[in-house]
């Protein structure tokens, strides 16, 4: 790396301190097979959980623990996959969480379920992120699903995954959405993340220029006025984090910034994973999306275990990253700093931890 090249030395999440973000992957079953998919997201070897009562009880216990011990009064619950709408117990889980907590639910889906399913269950979600995969999706159906959710008053974002191998089709489909939808919802042209797939993902200069502004459609100004509370409450953020660079400048970072700029080498950094953001894997493990164990433990708590309620008593402290690369877009935005380059005179990005009781971990 050139000595003149800028790179981050400290990252500060823009997530509000009273919010705990929980990302849950109930299984890795998917009806699409996208070549650019995050590894482990569609192989189908982790089936949906069968014991719904156990899962609900354990997730509620986890959320109560953070509410009672870390003052987490609001929860952002993001459900992903695989294709999460294939999980038949999804509706039941969401209803129980909304009955017990102040929870903002995001569904990240390919939108392929029948329109009737979305008409019947769309009320459960606060935010729908509908990934559009041009080679496999039904374009008119995708528009109908987005229109249905928008009409229900939900925040709707269509992420058009811009595959450079079928670039013209991707661009044409975005224009078709804009022309044929009943309502104006968010449309983003999403640059693919290179996870080291066998076929490299590369863009031409013209394609990169198109992607410089990923926002291709916004709702009307009336929608923003009506939903200004989403910004105030932190459900909608302009940037996921802010990065302080080696020249001491600060830049706002969006979902794919760190990975696509090759700024995601956080090995030996101090990371606040487990303090404000959790990931529950398709195997039920409470870990980082990167697979790293958290809470300074050499094992993982698991929401599919019958003893979870009795054993879940974590010690949520910053974790020193042991991975060469952070490949999860969400985890890259967790507050963290380079232990070797941190200016110790600066205010810590770490979230103050105030226990309401004495932890058995000290």
Protein backbone atom coordinates (compact mmCIF):
# COMPACT_ATOMS: atom_id res chain seq x y z
CA UNK A 1 0.00 0.00 0.00
CA UNK A 2 1.38 3.39 -0.94
CA UNK A 3 2.40 5.58 1.98
CA UNK A 4 0.24 8.32 0.48
CA UNK A 5 -2.88 6.16 0.24
CA UNK A 6 -5.54 6.94 2.81
CA UNK A 7 -7.11 4.26 4.92
CA UNK A 8 -9.14 4.16 8.15
CA UNK A 9 -7.65 4.13 11.63
CA UNK A 10 -10.93 4.52 13.50
CA UNK A 11 -14.59 3.81 12.67
CA UNK A 12 -17.59 5.16 14.56
CA UNK A 13 -21.02 3.65 14.02
CA UNK A 14 -23.93 6.03 13.57
CA UNK A 15 -26.27 3.59 15.33
CA UNK A 16 -27.86 5.30 18.33
CA UNK A 17 -26.58 4.01 21.69
CA UNK A 18 -30.02 2.95 22.94
CA UNK A 19 -30.49 0.63 19.94
CA UNK A 20 -29.40 -2.99 19.70
CA UNK A 21 -29.30 -4.31 16.14
CA UNK A 22 -29.94 -8.03 15.85
CA UNK A 23 -29.43 -9.72 12.51
CA UNK A 24 -30.96 -13.19 12.35
CA UNK A 25 -30.44 -15.75 9.62
CA UNK A 26 -32.98 -18.47 10.51
CA UNK A 27 -31.69 -20.78 7.75
CA UNK A 28 -29.63 -20.77 4.58
CA UNK A 29 -32.28 -22.18 2.26
CA UNK A 30 -32.88 -20.09 -0.85
CA UNK A 31 -34.82 -20.52 -4.07
CA UNK A 32 -32.27 -18.38 -5.97
CA UNK A 33 -28.67 -19.29 -6.75
CA UNK A 34 -26.84 -16.02 -7.42
CA UNK A 35 -23.19 -16.27 -8.39
CA UNK A 36 -22.32 -13.23 -6.27
CA UNK A 37 -24.10 -14.35 -3.10
CA UNK A 38 -22.38 -14.13 0.27
CA UNK A 39 -20.76 -17.53 0.98
CA UNK A 40 -22.95 -19.80 3.07
CA UNK A 41 -26.18 -17.94 2.31
CA UNK A 42 -27.93 -20.34 -0.09
CA UNK A 43 -26.41 -23.81 0.31
CA UNK A 44 -29.45 -25.14 2.19
CA UNK A 45 -27.68 -27.29 4.79
CA UNK A 46 -29.12 -25.30 7.73
CA UNK A 47 -32.87 -25.86 7.75
CA UNK A 48 -35.42 -23.57 9.45
CA UNK A 49 -35.78 -24.13 13.22
CA UNK A 50 -38.55 -26.53 14.18
CA UNK A 51 -39.08 -25.68 17.86
CA UNK A 52 -40.63 -22.21 17.55
CA UNK A 53 -41.48 -21.90 21.23
CA UNK A 54 -37.85 -22.52 22.19
CA UNK A 55 -36.50 -20.03 19.63
CA UNK A 56 -38.96 -17.32 20.67
CA UNK A 57 -38.26 -17.84 24.38
CA UNK A 58 -34.50 -17.65 23.85
CA UNK A 59 -34.56 -14.57 21.60
CA UNK A 60 -36.84 -12.76 24.07
CA UNK A 61 -34.44 -13.66 26.89
CA UNK A 62 -31.50 -12.31 24.87
CA UNK A 63 -33.30 -9.03 24.20
CA UNK A 64 -34.38 -8.69 27.82
CA UNK A 65 -30.79 -9.20 28.93
CA UNK A 66 -29.60 -6.28 26.80
CA UNK A 67 -32.52 -4.15 27.90
CA UNK A 68 -31.88 -4.77 31.60
CA UNK A 69 -28.07 -4.68 31.54
CA UNK A 70 -27.05 -2.37 28.70
CA UNK A 71 -30.04 0.00 28.59
CA UNK A 72 -31.07 -1.13 25.11
CA UNK A 73 -34.60 0.26 24.90
CA UNK A 74 -35.06 -0.13 21.14
CA UNK A 75 -34.28 -3.03 18.86
CA UNK A 76 -33.65 -3.20 15.14
CA UNK A 77 -34.38 -6.78 14.14
CA UNK A 78 -33.16 -7.66 10.66
CA UNK A 79 -34.19 -10.98 9.16
CA UNK A 80 -32.13 -12.31 6.29
CA UNK A 81 -31.20 -15.55 4.61
CA UNK A 82 -31.19 -17.59 2.56
CA UNK A 83 -34.65 -16.45 1.68
CA UNK A 84 -36.25 -15.71 5.08
CA UNK A 85 -39.86 -15.75 3.81
CA UNK A 86 -39.48 -19.51 3.25
CA UNK A 87 -39.41 -19.91 7.05
CA UNK A 88 -42.98 -20.87 7.95
CA UNK A 89 -42.59 -19.71 11.56
CA UNK A 90 -41.46 -16.23 10.61
CA UNK A 91 -44.81 -14.56 11.18
CA UNK A 92 -45.17 -16.08 14.66
CA UNK A 93 -41.70 -14.96 15.75
CA UNK A 94 -42.24 -11.37 14.62
CA UNK A 95 -45.63 -11.12 16.32
CA UNK A 96 -44.13 -12.27 19.63
CA UNK A 97 -41.23 -9.83 19.43
CA UNK A 98 -43.51 -6.90 18.64
CA UNK A 99 -45.72 -7.88 21.58
CA UNK A 100 -42.78 -7.67 23.97
CA UNK A 101 -40.45 -4.93 22.73
CA UNK A 102 -40.09 -1.64 20.90
CA UNK A 103 -38.79 -3.36 17.79
CA UNK A 104 -38.29 -2.15 14.22
CA UNK A 105 -38.37 -5.13 11.87
CA UNK A 106 -36.54 -5.23 8.55
CA UNK A 107 -37.05 -8.08 6.12
CA UNK A 108 -34.28 -8.64 3.55
CA UNK A 109 -35.87 -10.73 0.82
CA UNK A 110 -35.73 -11.50 -2.87
CA UNK A 111 -39.48 -10.77 -2.96
CA UNK A 112 -40.34 -14.03 -4.69
CA UNK A 113 -43.17 -15.18 -2.42
CA UNK A 114 -46.65 -14.93 -3.93
CA UNK A 115 -48.26 -11.51 -3.80
CA UNK A 116 -50.97 -12.87 -1.52
CA UNK A 117 -48.35 -13.72 1.11
CA UNK A 118 -47.10 -10.12 1.12
CA UNK A 119 -50.65 -8.79 1.23
CA UNK A 120 -51.39 -10.95 4.28
CA UNK A 121 -48.09 -10.51 6.14
CA UNK A 122 -46.71 -7.16 4.99
CA UNK A 123 -48.11 -5.42 8.10
CA UNK A 124 -45.53 -7.25 10.24
CA UNK A 125 -42.58 -5.43 8.70
CA UNK A 126 -41.50 -1.85 9.18
CA UNK A 127 -38.87 -1.92 6.46
CA UNK A 128 -38.58 -4.12 3.39
CA UNK A 129 -35.31 -4.46 1.48
CA UNK A 130 -36.16 -6.30 -1.71
CA UNK A 131 -33.08 -7.48 -3.56
CA UNK A 132 -33.64 -7.62 -7.30
CA UNK A 133 -31.63 -10.24 -9.19
CA UNK A 134 -32.19 -9.66 -12.88
CA UNK A 135 -31.47 -13.18 -14.20
CA UNK A 136 -33.90 -14.89 -11.81
CA UNK A 137 -36.54 -12.42 -10.64
CA UNK A 138 -39.97 -11.77 -12.13
CA UNK A 139 -39.76 -8.02 -12.76
CA UNK A 140 -43.51 -7.30 -12.76
CA UNK A 141 -44.00 -9.39 -9.63
CA UNK A 142 -41.17 -7.53 -7.90
CA UNK A 143 -42.83 -4.21 -8.70
CA UNK A 144 -46.18 -5.48 -7.41
CA UNK A 145 -44.64 -6.58 -4.11
CA UNK A 146 -42.91 -3.22 -3.64
CA UNK A 147 -46.13 -1.35 -4.47
CA UNK A 148 -48.10 -3.49 -2.02
CA UNK A 149 -45.72 -2.80 0.86
CA UNK A 150 -45.50 0.90 0.05
CA UNK A 151 -49.30 1.11 0.06
CA UNK A 152 -49.23 -0.44 3.55
CA UNK A 153 -47.07 2.49 4.69
CA UNK A 154 -43.80 0.57 4.86
CA UNK A 155 -40.35 1.83 3.94
CA UNK A 156 -39.47 -0.03 0.75
CA UNK A 157 -36.10 -0.22 -0.94
CA UNK A 158 -35.42 -2.24 -4.06
CA UNK A 159 -31.76 -3.13 -4.29
CA UNK A 160 -30.97 -3.78 -7.93
CA UNK A 161 -27.87 -5.98 -7.87
CA UNK A 162 -25.78 -4.69 -10.75
CA UNK A 163 -24.18 -7.71 -12.37
CA UNK A 164 -21.60 -6.40 -14.86
CA UNK A 165 -22.02 -9.52 -17.02
CA UNK A 166 -25.64 -8.46 -17.80
CA UNK A 167 -25.22 -4.74 -17.22
CA UNK A 168 -27.60 -3.46 -19.91
CA UNK A 169 -30.42 -5.65 -18.60
CA UNK A 170 -29.89 -4.39 -15.04
CA UNK A 171 -30.04 -0.75 -16.13
CA UNK A 172 -33.07 -1.40 -18.35
CA UNK A 173 -34.90 -3.12 -15.48
CA UNK A 174 -34.35 -0.13 -13.19
CA UNK A 175 -35.87 2.17 -15.79
CA UNK A 176 -38.78 -0.23 -16.20
CA UNK A 177 -39.44 -0.15 -12.44
CA UNK A 178 -39.46 3.63 -12.42
CA UNK A 179 -41.91 3.76 -15.33
CA UNK A 180 -44.33 0.98 -14.36
CA UNK A 181 -44.64 1.17 -10.57
CA UNK A 182 -47.76 2.70 -8.98
CA UNK A 183 -45.71 4.44 -6.31
CA UNK A 184 -42.25 5.88 -5.90
CA UNK A 185 -40.15 3.87 -3.50
CA UNK A 186 -36.39 3.76 -3.04
CA UNK A 187 -34.40 2.17 -5.83
CA UNK A 188 -30.68 1.65 -5.38
CA UNK A 189 -28.26 0.35 -7.97
CA UNK A 190 -26.11 -1.88 -5.81
CA UNK A 191 -22.49 -2.51 -6.60
CA UNK A 192 -21.65 -6.17 -6.09
CA UNK A 193 -19.19 -7.09 -3.38
CA UNK A 194 -16.31 -9.31 -4.43
CA UNK A 195 -16.09 -12.10 -1.85
CA UNK A 196 -13.43 -13.89 -3.84
CA UNK A 197 -15.81 -15.68 -6.19
CA UNK A 198 -14.31 -17.86 -8.95
CA UNK A 199 -15.44 -15.29 -11.54
CA UNK A 200 -14.06 -11.86 -10.52
CA UNK A 201 -16.44 -8.92 -10.37
CA UNK A 202 -15.11 -5.97 -12.35
CA UNK A 203 -16.77 -2.83 -13.69
CA UNK A 204 -15.89 -0.61 -16.61
CA UNK A 205 -15.27 3.09 -16.13
CA UNK A 206 -18.72 3.91 -17.52
CA UNK A 207 -20.34 1.42 -15.14
CA UNK A 208 -18.45 2.85 -12.19
CA UNK A 209 -19.67 6.32 -13.10
CA UNK A 210 -23.25 5.04 -13.11
CA UNK A 211 -22.71 3.51 -9.66
CA UNK A 212 -21.21 6.65 -8.13
CA UNK A 213 -24.74 7.69 -7.21
CA UNK A 214 -26.49 4.47 -6.20
CA UNK A 215 -29.83 6.21 -5.61
CA UNK A 216 -31.93 5.93 -8.76
CA UNK A 217 -35.33 6.78 -7.26
CA UNK A 218 -36.67 8.36 -4.08
CA UNK A 219 -40.19 8.52 -2.68
CA UNK A 220 -42.00 11.82 -2.90
CA UNK A 221 -41.21 14.70 -0.54
CA UNK A 222 -44.53 14.00 1.19
CA UNK A 223 -43.29 10.53 2.11
CA UNK A 224 -40.22 12.03 3.78
CA UNK A 225 -42.33 14.57 5.68
CA UNK A 226 -44.70 11.83 6.83
CA UNK A 227 -41.84 9.56 7.90
CA UNK A 228 -39.42 12.08 9.38
CA UNK A 229 -39.63 10.13 12.64
CA UNK A 230 -37.63 7.33 10.99
CA UNK A 231 -34.66 9.67 10.73
CA UNK A 232 -35.15 11.09 14.22
CA UNK A 233 -35.41 7.61 15.75
CA UNK A 234 -32.37 6.34 13.86
CA UNK A 235 -34.20 3.81 11.69
CA UNK A 236 -33.01 5.63 8.55
CA UNK A 237 -29.40 6.77 8.40
CA UNK A 238 -27.59 8.66 5.68
CA UNK A 239 -24.36 6.84 6.59
CA UNK A 240 -23.87 3.60 8.50
CA UNK A 241 -20.63 4.89 10.03
CA UNK A 242 -17.96 7.55 9.88
CA UNK A 243 -14.33 6.72 9.30
CA UNK A 244 -11.34 8.74 10.49
CA UNK A 245 -8.55 8.31 7.95
CA UNK A 246 -4.78 8.45 8.22
CA UNK A 247 -4.76 12.16 7.32
CA UNK A 248 -7.22 12.80 10.19
CA UNK A 249 -10.08 13.55 7.80
CA UNK A 250 -13.51 12.02 8.49
CA UNK A 251 -15.71 10.51 5.78
CA UNK A 252 -19.19 9.03 5.85
CA UNK A 253 -19.36 5.36 4.89
CA UNK A 254 -22.23 3.42 3.35
CA UNK A 255 -22.93 -0.30 3.33
CA UNK A 256 -20.27 -1.45 0.86
CA UNK A 257 -17.66 1.30 1.36
CA UNK A 258 -15.01 -0.56 3.34
CA UNK A 259 -15.05 -3.78 1.34
CA UNK A 260 -15.07 -2.18 -2.10
CA UNK A 261 -12.29 0.26 -1.15
CA UNK A 262 -10.26 -2.59 0.34
CA UNK A 263 -10.44 -0.83 3.72
CA UNK A 264 -11.62 -3.93 5.55
CA UNK A 265 -8.40 -5.31 7.02
CA UNK A 266 -9.22 -4.98 10.73
CA UNK A 267 -6.99 -7.68 12.13
CA UNK A 268 -5.85 -6.77 15.66
CA UNK A 269 -8.33 -3.88 15.80
CA UNK A 270 -10.57 -3.41 18.82
CA UNK A 271 -14.17 -3.98 17.66
CA UNK A 272 -17.40 -3.29 19.58
CA UNK A 273 -19.08 -6.37 18.14
CA UNK A 274 -21.55 -7.76 20.65
CA UNK A 275 -22.15 -4.38 22.27
CA UNK A 276 -24.49 -2.80 19.73
CA UNK A 277 -24.77 -5.34 16.92
CA UNK A 278 -25.40 -9.08 17.15
CA UNK A 279 -25.65 -11.78 14.54
CA UNK A 280 -27.52 -15.04 15.03
CA UNK A 281 -26.32 -17.54 12.46
CA UNK A 282 -28.33 -20.18 10.63
CA UNK A 283 -26.93 -22.66 13.15
CA UNK A 284 -28.28 -20.55 16.03
CA UNK A 285 -24.91 -19.22 17.21
CA UNK A 286 -24.73 -15.69 18.67
CA UNK A 287 -21.56 -14.47 16.98
CA UNK A 288 -20.28 -11.94 14.47
CA UNK A 289 -21.33 -12.25 10.86
CA UNK A 290 -17.66 -12.93 10.22
CA UNK A 291 -17.98 -16.08 12.33
CA UNK A 292 -15.82 -14.62 15.09
CA UNK A 293 -16.76 -15.52 18.64
CA UNK A 294 -17.61 -12.61 20.90
CA UNK A 295 -17.85 -11.81 24.62
CA UNK A 296 -14.23 -12.94 25.13
CA UNK A 297 -15.37 -16.55 25.06
CA UNK A 298 -13.96 -19.59 23.29
CA UNK A 299 -17.48 -20.87 22.63
CA UNK A 300 -20.74 -19.39 21.33
CA UNK A 301 -24.14 -19.08 22.95
CA UNK A 302 -26.80 -20.76 20.82
CA UNK A 303 -30.51 -19.90 20.66
CA UNK A 304 -31.38 -23.46 19.61
CA UNK A 305 -30.13 -24.87 22.93
CA UNK A 306 -32.54 -25.72 25.71
CA UNK A 307 -30.22 -24.28 28.38
CA UNK A 308 -29.85 -20.86 26.71
CA UNK A 309 -32.00 -18.98 29.24
CA UNK A 310 -29.98 -20.39 32.14
CA UNK A 311 -26.55 -19.90 30.58
CA UNK A 312 -26.77 -16.65 28.59
CA UNK A 313 -24.91 -14.20 30.81
CA UNK A 314 -22.32 -12.57 28.54
CA UNK A 315 -19.52 -10.16 29.23
CA UNK A 316 -20.00 -7.67 26.36
CA UNK A 317 -16.61 -6.04 25.93
CA UNK A 318 -14.77 -5.02 22.75
CA UNK A 319 -13.24 -7.91 20.84
CA UNK A 320 -9.80 -7.91 19.26
CA UNK A 321 -10.34 -8.99 15.65
CA UNK A 322 -8.44 -12.09 14.59
CA UNK A 323 -9.46 -12.14 10.93
CA UNK A 324 -7.46 -10.88 7.96
CA UNK A 325 -10.53 -9.42 6.22
CA UNK A 326 -13.99 -8.36 7.37
CA UNK A 327 -16.34 -9.58 4.64
CA UNK A 328 -19.69 -8.66 6.22
CA UNK A 329 -20.89 -5.21 5.20
CA UNK A 330 -22.77 -4.69 8.48
CA UNK A 331 -19.87 -5.73 10.68
CA UNK A 332 -17.50 -3.33 8.91
CA UNK A 333 -19.57 -0.44 10.31
CA UNK A 334 -19.37 -1.50 13.96
CA UNK A 335 -17.35 0.99 16.01
CA UNK A 336 -13.72 -0.11 16.03
CA UNK A 337 -10.21 1.29 16.03
CA UNK A 338 -6.70 0.28 15.05
CA UNK A 339 -4.91 -0.57 18.30
CA UNK A 340 -1.56 0.27 16.74
CA UNK A 341 -2.53 3.68 15.31
CA UNK A 342 -5.13 5.02 17.73
CA UNK A 343 -4.49 8.50 19.09
CA UNK A 344 -5.07 7.74 22.77
CA UNK A 345 -5.84 11.41 23.47
CA UNK A 346 -9.06 11.05 21.46
CA UNK A 347 -12.43 10.21 22.92
CA UNK A 348 -13.04 6.48 22.79
CA UNK A 349 -15.50 5.12 20.26
CA UNK A 350 -16.27 2.30 22.67
CA UNK A 351 -19.75 2.41 24.13
CA UNK A 352 -19.73 2.88 27.93
CA UNK A 353 -21.03 -0.25 29.61
CA UNK A 354 -23.13 0.23 32.73
CA UNK A 355 -24.39 -2.96 34.33
CA UNK A 356 -27.49 -2.87 36.50
CA UNK A 357 -26.06 -5.79 38.41
CA UNK A 358 -22.64 -7.27 39.00
CA UNK A 359 -21.73 -9.63 36.19
CA UNK A 360 -20.53 -13.04 37.24
CA UNK A 361 -17.72 -12.51 34.72
CA UNK A 362 -16.38 -9.59 36.72
